Amino acid sequence: MMLANIPLTDDERAAVDDGQAALGQLLERLTDVPAPAGPTPRQIGTPATATLLPIVDVTRRPRQCAPGKP
């Protein structure tokens, strides 16, 4: 499990567990936090929502067709 290998803050964990709303709140809070290069997302001019991608619940299901057939 990836969460066991990457330490997350409570806000980051909520963004993973609680979905889009928590992710949006985390990105809003990070707007004025400097990136490793120094500037903040606000200084760069990147809106907080520019990096949002849809969160899709992925569930592994057994194959419905026989191997080798579409």
PDB file of N, CA and C in Angstrom:
ATOM      1  N   MET A   1       0.839  -1.176   0.000  1.00  0.00           N
ATOM      2  CA  MET A   1       0.000   0.000   0.000  1.00  0.00           C
ATOM      3  C   MET A   1       0.887   1.242   0.000  1.00  0.00           C
ATOM      4  N   MET A   2       0.613   2.170  -0.888  1.00  0.00           N
ATOM      5  CA  MET A   2       1.439   3.367  -1.025  1.00  0.00           C
ATOM      6  C   MET A   2       1.426   4.228   0.231  1.00  0.00           C
ATOM      7  N   LEU A   3       0.312   4.350   0.917  1.00  0.00           N
ATOM      8  CA  LEU A   3       0.239   5.196   2.099  1.00  0.00           C
ATOM      9  C   LEU A   3       1.188   4.724   3.191  1.00  0.00           C
ATOM     10  N   ALA A   4       1.483   3.462   3.221  1.00  0.00           N
ATOM     11  CA  ALA A   4       2.389   2.945   4.230  1.00  0.00           C
ATOM     12  C   ALA A   4       3.829   3.334   3.932  1.00  0.00           C
ATOM     13  N   ASN A   5       4.135   3.664   2.687  1.00  0.00           N
ATOM     14  CA  ASN A   5       5.499   3.970   2.283  1.00  0.00           C
ATOM     15  C   ASN A   5       5.803   5.450   2.188  1.00  0.00           C
ATOM     16  N   ILE A   6       4.806   6.291   2.162  1.00  0.00           N
ATOM     17  CA  ILE A   6       5.002   7.732   2.025  1.00  0.00           C
ATOM     18  C   ILE A   6       4.352   8.412   3.223  1.00  0.00           C
ATOM     19  N   PRO A   7       5.154   9.052   4.087  1.00  0.00           N
ATOM     20  CA  PRO A   7       4.539   9.737   5.222  1.00  0.00           C
ATOM     21  C   PRO A   7       3.716  10.937   4.745  1.00  0.00           C
ATOM     22  N   LEU A   8       2.497  11.061   5.247  1.00  0.00           N
ATOM     23  CA  LEU A   8       1.599  12.143   4.856  1.00  0.00           C
ATOM     24  C   LEU A   8       1.192  12.948   6.079  1.00  0.00           C
ATOM     25  N   THR A   9       0.977  14.241   5.857  1.00  0.00           N
ATOM     26  CA  THR A   9       0.404  15.070   6.915  1.00  0.00           C
ATOM     27  C   THR A   9      -1.080  14.715   7.037  1.00  0.00           C
ATOM     28  N   ASP A  10      -1.719  15.197   8.085  1.00  0.00           N
ATOM     29  CA  ASP A  10      -3.155  14.939   8.239  1.00  0.00           C
ATOM     30  C   ASP A  10      -3.945  15.501   7.063  1.00  0.00           C
ATOM     31  N   ASP A  11      -3.567  16.706   6.585  1.00  0.00           N
ATOM     32  CA  ASP A  11      -4.247  17.322   5.439  1.00  0.00           C
ATOM     33  C   ASP A  11      -4.063  16.486   4.174  1.00  0.00           C
ATOM     34  N   GLU A  12      -2.860  15.982   3.964  1.00  0.00           N
ATOM     35  CA  GLU A  12      -2.595  15.159   2.782  1.00  0.00           C
ATOM     36  C   GLU A  12      -3.361  13.845   2.860  1.00  0.00           C
ATOM     37  N   ARG A  13      -3.405  13.252   4.029  1.00  0.00           N
ATOM     38  CA  ARG A  13      -4.137  11.998   4.208  1.00  0.00           C
ATOM     39  C   ARG A  13      -5.625  12.203   3.950  1.00  0.00           C
ATOM     40  N   ALA A  14      -6.174  13.338   4.437  1.00  0.00           N
ATOM     41  CA  ALA A  14      -7.583  13.647   4.189  1.00  0.00           C
ATOM     42  C   ALA A  14      -7.841  13.808   2.698  1.00  0.00           C
ATOM     43  N   ALA A  15      -6.901  14.434   1.980  1.00  0.00           N
ATOM     44  CA  ALA A  15      -7.066  14.614   0.535  1.00  0.00           C
ATOM     45  C   ALA A  15      -7.102  13.267  -0.177  1.00  0.00           C
ATOM     46  N   VAL A  16      -6.341  12.305   0.319  1.00  0.00           N
ATOM     47  CA  VAL A  16      -6.346  10.959  -0.270  1.00  0.00           C
ATOM     48  C   VAL A  16      -7.627  10.222   0.090  1.00  0.00           C
ATOM     49  N   ASP A  17      -7.998  10.281   1.365  1.00  0.00           N
ATOM     50  CA  ASP A  17      -9.133   9.488   1.849  1.00  0.00           C
ATOM     51  C   ASP A  17     -10.493  10.107   1.564  1.00  0.00           C
ATOM     52  N   ASP A  18     -10.592  11.445   1.596  1.00  0.00           N
ATOM     53  CA  ASP A  18     -11.891  12.102   1.538  1.00  0.00           C
ATOM     54  C   ASP A  18     -12.259  12.652   0.166  1.00  0.00           C
ATOM     55  N   GLY A  19     -11.351  12.606  -0.794  1.00  0.00           N
ATOM     56  CA  GLY A  19     -11.692  12.964  -2.157  1.00  0.00           C
ATOM     57  C   GLY A  19     -11.497  14.411  -2.541  1.00  0.00           C
ATOM     58  N   GLN A  20     -12.247  14.827  -3.553  1.00  0.00           N
ATOM     59  CA  GLN A  20     -12.057  16.097  -4.252  1.00  0.00           C
ATOM     60  C   GLN A  20     -12.172  17.323  -3.344  1.00  0.00           C
ATOM     61  N   ALA A  21     -13.138  17.350  -2.446  1.00  0.00           N
ATOM     62  CA  ALA A  21     -13.320  18.527  -1.591  1.00  0.00           C
ATOM     63  C   ALA A  21     -12.107  18.728  -0.687  1.00  0.00           C
ATOM     64  N   ALA A  22     -11.618  17.651  -0.069  1.00  0.00           N
ATOM     65  CA  ALA A  22     -10.442  17.750   0.802  1.00  0.00           C
ATOM     66  C   ALA A  22      -9.198  18.091  -0.008  1.00  0.00           C
ATOM     67  N   LEU A  23      -9.097  17.574  -1.217  1.00  0.00           N
ATOM     68  CA  LEU A  23      -7.969  17.899  -2.075  1.00  0.00           C
ATOM     69  C   LEU A  23      -7.986  19.381  -2.438  1.00  0.00           C
ATOM     70  N   GLY A  24      -9.146  19.907  -2.761  1.00  0.00           N
ATOM     71  CA  GLY A  24      -9.274  21.330  -3.078  1.00  0.00           C
ATOM     72  C   GLY A  24      -8.873  22.206  -1.892  1.00  0.00           C
ATOM     73  N   GLN A  25      -9.271  21.805  -0.689  1.00  0.00           N
ATOM     74  CA  GLN A  25      -8.902  22.560   0.511  1.00  0.00           C
ATOM     75  C   GLN A  25      -7.399  22.528   0.734  1.00  0.00           C
ATOM     76  N   LEU A  26      -6.778  21.370   0.516  1.00  0.00           N
ATOM     77  CA  LEU A  26      -5.324  21.257   0.667  1.00  0.00           C
ATOM     78  C   LEU A  26      -4.613  22.150  -0.341  1.00  0.00           C
ATOM     79  N   LEU A  27      -5.046  22.128  -1.586  1.00  0.00           N
ATOM     80  CA  LEU A  27      -4.413  22.956  -2.609  1.00  0.00           C
ATOM     81  C   LEU A  27      -4.570  24.439  -2.300  1.00  0.00           C
ATOM     82  N   GLU A  28      -5.713  24.822  -1.762  1.00  0.00           N
ATOM     83  CA  GLU A  28      -5.926  26.221  -1.389  1.00  0.00           C
ATOM     84  C   GLU A  28      -4.960  26.638  -0.290  1.00  0.00           C
ATOM     85  N   ARG A  29      -4.765  25.765   0.703  1.00  0.00           N
ATOM     86  CA  ARG A  29      -3.827  26.076   1.783  1.00  0.00           C
ATOM     87  C   ARG A  29      -2.384  26.139   1.290  1.00  0.00           C
ATOM     88  N   LEU A  30      -2.059  25.385   0.248  1.00  0.00           N
ATOM     89  CA  LEU A  30      -0.682  25.347  -0.266  1.00  0.00           C
ATOM     90  C   LEU A  30      -0.378  26.473  -1.253  1.00  0.00           C
ATOM     91  N   THR A  31      -1.346  27.298  -1.577  1.00  0.00           N
ATOM     92  CA  THR A  31      -1.170  28.359  -2.557  1.00  0.00           C
ATOM     93  C   THR A  31      -0.008  29.284  -2.224  1.00  0.00           C
ATOM     94  N   ASP A  32       0.233  29.533  -0.936  1.00  0.00           N
ATOM     95  CA  ASP A  32       1.303  30.441  -0.525  1.00  0.00           C
ATOM     96  C   ASP A  32       2.501  29.723   0.100  1.00  0.00           C
ATOM     97  N   VAL A  33       2.579  28.413  -0.076  1.00  0.00           N
ATOM     98  CA  VAL A  33       3.720  27.647   0.432  1.00  0.00           C
ATOM     99  C   VAL A  33       4.740  27.518  -0.692  1.00  0.00           C
ATOM    100  N   PRO A  34       5.987  27.933  -0.442  1.00  0.00           N
ATOM    101  CA  PRO A  34       6.999  27.873  -1.506  1.00  0.00           C
ATOM    102  C   PRO A  34       7.268  26.450  -1.990  1.00  0.00           C
ATOM    103  N   ALA A  35       7.457  26.325  -3.282  1.00  0.00           N
ATOM    104  CA  ALA A  35       7.882  25.066  -3.890  1.00  0.00           C
ATOM    105  C   ALA A  35       9.378  24.909  -3.628  1.00  0.00           C
ATOM    106  N   PRO A  36       9.954  23.731  -3.873  1.00  0.00           N
ATOM    107  CA  PRO A  36      11.391  23.559  -3.637  1.00  0.00           C
ATOM    108  C   PRO A  36      12.260  24.593  -4.363  1.00  0.00           C
ATOM    109  N   ALA A  37      11.823  25.087  -5.505  1.00  0.00           N
ATOM    110  CA  ALA A  37      12.599  26.084  -6.249  1.00  0.00           C
ATOM    111  C   ALA A  37      12.485  27.486  -5.638  1.00  0.00           C
ATOM    112  N   GLY A  38      11.535  27.697  -4.732  1.00  0.00           N
ATOM    113  CA  GLY A  38      11.419  28.987  -4.062  1.00  0.00           C
ATOM    114  C   GLY A  38      10.092  29.706  -4.212  1.00  0.00           C
ATOM    115  N   PRO A  39       9.585  29.898  -5.435  1.00  0.00           N
ATOM    116  CA  PRO A  39       8.330  30.652  -5.571  1.00  0.00           C
ATOM    117  C   PRO A  39       7.117  29.828  -5.137  1.00  0.00           C
ATOM    118  N   THR A  40       6.071  30.544  -4.737  1.00  0.00           N
ATOM    119  CA  THR A  40       4.809  29.891  -4.376  1.00  0.00           C
ATOM    120  C   THR A  40       3.957  29.731  -5.634  1.00  0.00           C
ATOM    121  N   PRO A  41       2.956  28.868  -5.600  1.00  0.00           N
ATOM    122  CA  PRO A  41       2.050  28.766  -6.751  1.00  0.00           C
ATOM    123  C   PRO A  41       1.423  30.115  -7.105  1.00  0.00           C
ATOM    124  N   ARG A  42       1.117  30.943  -6.102  1.00  0.00           N
ATOM    125  CA  ARG A  42       0.540  32.262  -6.369  1.00  0.00           C
ATOM    126  C   ARG A  42       1.546  33.132  -7.127  1.00  0.00           C
ATOM    127  N   GLN A  43       2.826  33.088  -6.744  1.00  0.00           N
ATOM    128  CA  GLN A  43       3.861  33.870  -7.418  1.00  0.00           C
ATOM    129  C   GLN A  43       4.086  33.384  -8.844  1.00  0.00           C
ATOM    130  N   ILE A  44       3.970  32.101  -9.037  1.00  0.00           N
ATOM    131  CA  ILE A  44       4.138  31.534 -10.381  1.00  0.00           C
ATOM    132  C   ILE A  44       2.957  31.909 -11.258  1.00  0.00           C
ATOM    133  N   GLY A  45       1.805  32.176 -10.627  1.00  0.00           N
ATOM    134  CA  GLY A  45       0.613  32.539 -11.381  1.00  0.00           C
ATOM    135  C   GLY A  45      -0.234  31.341 -11.746  1.00  0.00           C
ATOM    136  N   THR A  46      -0.013  30.226 -11.078  1.00  0.00           N
ATOM    137  CA  THR A  46      -0.786  29.020 -11.334  1.00  0.00           C
ATOM    138  C   THR A  46      -1.964  28.980 -10.391  1.00  0.00           C
ATOM    139  N   PRO A  47      -3.188  28.968 -10.912  1.00  0.00           N
ATOM    140  CA  PRO A  47      -4.349  28.874 -10.020  1.00  0.00           C
ATOM    141  C   PRO A  47      -4.338  27.536  -9.291  1.00  0.00           C
ATOM    142  N   ALA A  48      -4.841  27.514  -8.068  1.00  0.00           N
ATOM    143  CA  ALA A  48      -4.854  26.297  -7.258  1.00  0.00           C
ATOM    144  C   ALA A  48      -5.569  25.144  -7.956  1.00  0.00           C
ATOM    145  N   THR A  49      -6.528  25.455  -8.805  1.00  0.00           N
ATOM    146  CA  THR A  49      -7.299  24.398  -9.473  1.00  0.00           C
ATOM    147  C   THR A  49      -6.641  23.910 -10.760  1.00  0.00           C
ATOM    148  N   ALA A  50      -5.532  24.491 -11.152  1.00  0.00           N
ATOM    149  CA  ALA A  50      -4.918  24.131 -12.432  1.00  0.00           C
ATOM    150  C   ALA A  50      -4.442  22.688 -12.466  1.00  0.00           C
ATOM    151  N   THR A  51      -4.122  22.125 -11.319  1.00  0.00           N
ATOM    152  CA  THR A  51      -3.600  20.770 -11.299  1.00  0.00           C
ATOM    153  C   THR A  51      -4.640  19.724 -10.906  1.00  0.00           C
ATOM    154  N   LEU A  52      -5.880  20.132 -10.696  1.00  0.00           N
ATOM    155  CA  LEU A  52      -6.899  19.175 -10.296  1.00  0.00           C
ATOM    156  C   LEU A  52      -7.256  18.235 -11.439  1.00  0.00           C
ATOM    157  N   LEU A  53      -7.252  16.986 -11.121  1.00  0.00           N
ATOM    158  CA  LEU A  53      -7.695  15.958 -12.056  1.00  0.00           C
ATOM    159  C   LEU A  53      -8.876  15.250 -11.414  1.00  0.00           C
ATOM    160  N   PRO A  54      -9.759  14.703 -12.216  1.00  0.00           N
ATOM    161  CA  PRO A  54     -10.895  14.002 -11.616  1.00  0.00           C
ATOM    162  C   PRO A  54     -10.412  12.807 -10.797  1.00  0.00           C
ATOM    163  N   ILE A  55     -11.032  12.592  -9.673  1.00  0.00           N
ATOM    164  CA  ILE A  55     -10.718  11.427  -8.846  1.00  0.00           C
ATOM    165  C   ILE A  55     -11.723  10.349  -9.185  1.00  0.00           C
ATOM    166  N   VAL A  56     -11.216   9.220  -9.602  1.00  0.00           N
ATOM    167  CA  VAL A  56     -12.064   8.123 -10.031  1.00  0.00           C
ATOM    168  C   VAL A  56     -11.836   6.946  -9.093  1.00  0.00           C
ATOM    169  N   ASP A  57     -12.901   6.383  -8.585  1.00  0.00           N
ATOM    170  CA  ASP A  57     -12.800   5.211  -7.728  1.00  0.00           C
ATOM    171  C   ASP A  57     -12.538   4.006  -8.621  1.00  0.00           C
ATOM    172  N   VAL A  58     -11.415   3.366  -8.402  1.00  0.00           N
ATOM    173  CA  VAL A  58     -11.038   2.218  -9.215  1.00  0.00           C
ATOM    174  C   VAL A  58     -11.215   0.960  -8.380  1.00  0.00           C
ATOM    175  N   THR A  59     -11.985   0.028  -8.921  1.00  0.00           N
ATOM    176  CA  THR A  59     -12.234  -1.235  -8.244  1.00  0.00           C
ATOM    177  C   THR A  59     -11.820  -2.361  -9.171  1.00  0.00           C
ATOM    178  N   ARG A  60     -11.007  -3.248  -8.669  1.00  0.00           N
ATOM    179  CA  ARG A  60     -10.575  -4.379  -9.483  1.00  0.00           C
ATOM    180  C   ARG A  60     -11.687  -5.421  -9.487  1.00  0.00           C
ATOM    181  N   ARG A  61     -12.108  -5.805 -10.667  1.00  0.00           N
ATOM    182  CA  ARG A  61     -13.154  -6.815 -10.816  1.00  0.00           C
ATOM    183  C   ARG A  61     -12.591  -7.998 -11.591  1.00  0.00           C
ATOM    184  N   PRO A  62     -13.138  -9.168 -11.384  1.00  0.00           N
ATOM    185  CA  PRO A  62     -12.695 -10.309 -12.172  1.00  0.00           C
ATOM    186  C   PRO A  62     -13.035 -10.107 -13.651  1.00  0.00           C
ATOM    187  N   ARG A  63     -12.217 -10.700 -14.497  1.00  0.00           N
ATOM    188  CA  ARG A  63     -12.462 -10.577 -15.946  1.00  0.00           C
ATOM    189  C   ARG A  63     -13.800 -11.184 -16.309  1.00  0.00           C
ATOM    190  N   GLN A  64     -14.490 -10.533 -17.225  1.00  0.00           N
ATOM    191  CA  GLN A  64     -15.808 -11.005 -17.668  1.00  0.00           C
ATOM    192  C   GLN A  64     -15.712 -11.872 -18.914  1.00  0.00           C
ATOM    193  N   CYS A  65     -14.569 -11.848 -19.583  1.00  0.00           N
ATOM    194  CA  CYS A  65     -14.434 -12.627 -20.813  1.00  0.00           C
ATOM    195  C   CYS A  65     -13.320 -13.641 -20.632  1.00  0.00           C
ATOM    196  N   ALA A  66     -13.300 -14.604 -21.533  1.00  0.00           N
ATOM    197  CA  ALA A  66     -12.272 -15.644 -21.492  1.00  0.00           C
ATOM    198  C   ALA A  66     -10.936 -15.061 -21.960  1.00  0.00           C
ATOM    199  N   PRO A  67      -9.826 -15.544 -21.421  1.00  0.00           N
ATOM    200  CA  PRO A  67      -8.510 -15.054 -21.865  1.00  0.00           C
ATOM    201  C   PRO A  67      -8.362 -15.196 -23.367  1.00  0.00           C
ATOM    202  N   GLY A  68      -7.790 -14.177 -23.996  1.00  0.00           N
ATOM    203  CA  GLY A  68      -7.584 -14.186 -25.430  1.00  0.00           C
ATOM    204  C   GLY A  68      -8.739 -13.646 -26.245  1.00  0.00           C
ATOM    205  N   LYS A  69      -9.865 -13.364 -25.590  1.00  0.00           N
ATOM    206  CA  LYS A  69     -11.036 -12.808 -26.275  1.00  0.00           C
ATOM    207  C   LYS A  69     -11.322 -11.426 -25.721  1.00  0.00           C
ATOM    208  N   PRO A  70     -11.738 -10.480 -26.581  1.00  0.00           N
ATOM    209  CA  PRO A  70     -12.028  -9.118 -26.117  1.00  0.00           C
ATOM    210  C   PRO A  70     -13.200  -9.032 -25.179  1.00  0.00           C
TER     211      PRO A  70
END
